[in-house]
């Protein structure tokens, strides 16, 4: 059975991973939106 300290450490690690994941998702969605806008702008020339 893990100690209280180990459990707290694990919770902290999971929270940090969640923050990183959320930041990466925001970056990806921003890039996707930008790419979609470029496709829409280029459509009249296709």
C-alpha atoms as a PDB file:
ATOM      1  CA  UNK A   1       0.000   0.000   0.000  1.00  0.00           C
ATOM      2  CA  UNK A   2       1.512   3.347  -1.031  1.00  0.00           C
ATOM      3  CA  UNK A   3       2.114   5.958   1.629  1.00  0.00           C
ATOM      4  CA  UNK A   4       0.220   9.238   1.822  1.00  0.00           C
ATOM      5  CA  UNK A   5       3.282  11.035   0.512  1.00  0.00           C
ATOM      6  CA  UNK A   6       3.481   8.785  -2.545  1.00  0.00           C
ATOM      7  CA  UNK A   7      -0.214   9.258  -3.244  1.00  0.00           C
ATOM      8  CA  UNK A   8       0.123  13.046  -3.056  1.00  0.00           C
ATOM      9  CA  UNK A   9       3.140  12.898  -5.360  1.00  0.00           C
ATOM     10  CA  UNK A  10       1.155  10.819  -7.843  1.00  0.00           C
ATOM     11  CA  UNK A  11      -1.809  13.214  -7.716  1.00  0.00           C
ATOM     12  CA  UNK A  12       0.545  16.143  -8.337  1.00  0.00           C
ATOM     13  CA  UNK A  13       2.120  14.323 -11.279  1.00  0.00           C
ATOM     14  CA  UNK A  14      -1.259  13.540 -12.813  1.00  0.00           C
ATOM     15  CA  UNK A  15      -2.349  17.187 -12.452  1.00  0.00           C
ATOM     16  CA  UNK A  16       0.835  18.370 -14.162  1.00  0.00           C
ATOM     17  CA  UNK A  17       0.314  15.898 -16.995  1.00  0.00           C
ATOM     18  CA  UNK A  18      -3.277  17.126 -17.349  1.00  0.00           C
ATOM     19  CA  UNK A  19      -2.087  20.740 -17.610  1.00  0.00           C
ATOM     20  CA  UNK A  20       0.445  19.805 -20.284  1.00  0.00           C
ATOM     21  CA  UNK A  21      -2.141  17.805 -22.199  1.00  0.00           C
ATOM     22  CA  UNK A  22      -4.623  20.685 -22.123  1.00  0.00           C
ATOM     23  CA  UNK A  23      -1.976  23.111 -23.388  1.00  0.00           C
ATOM     24  CA  UNK A  24      -1.061  20.769 -26.247  1.00  0.00           C
ATOM     25  CA  UNK A  25      -4.741  20.375 -27.160  1.00  0.00           C
ATOM     26  CA  UNK A  26      -5.147  24.156 -27.267  1.00  0.00           C
ATOM     27  CA  UNK A  27      -2.118  24.503 -29.540  1.00  0.00           C
ATOM     28  CA  UNK A  28      -3.406  21.742 -31.815  1.00  0.00           C
ATOM     29  CA  UNK A  29      -6.881  23.254 -32.054  1.00  0.00           C
ATOM     30  CA  UNK A  30      -5.384  26.652 -32.853  1.00  0.00           C
ATOM     31  CA  UNK A  31      -3.244  25.162 -35.627  1.00  0.00           C
ATOM     32  CA  UNK A  32      -6.242  23.250 -36.973  1.00  0.00           C
ATOM     33  CA  UNK A  33      -8.385  26.384 -37.047  1.00  0.00           C
ATOM     34  CA  UNK A  34      -5.639  28.299 -38.860  1.00  0.00           C
ATOM     35  CA  UNK A  35      -5.234  25.504 -41.415  1.00  0.00           C
ATOM     36  CA  UNK A  36      -8.978  25.346 -42.032  1.00  0.00           C
ATOM     37  CA  UNK A  37      -9.094  29.099 -42.613  1.00  0.00           C
ATOM     38  CA  UNK A  38      -6.280  28.840 -45.150  1.00  0.00           C
ATOM     39  CA  UNK A  39      -8.121  26.067 -46.981  1.00  0.00           C
ATOM     40  CA  UNK A  40     -11.290  28.174 -47.072  1.00  0.00           C
ATOM     41  CA  UNK A  41      -9.375  31.189 -48.393  1.00  0.00           C
ATOM     42  CA  UNK A  42      -7.666  29.116 -51.087  1.00  0.00           C
ATOM     43  CA  UNK A  43     -10.890  27.446 -52.248  1.00  0.00           C
ATOM     44  CA  UNK A  44     -11.838  30.151 -54.832  1.00  0.00           C
ATOM     45  CA  UNK A  45      -8.507  29.554 -56.592  1.00  0.00           C
ATOM     46  CA  UNK A  46      -8.954  25.787 -56.839  1.00  0.00           C
END
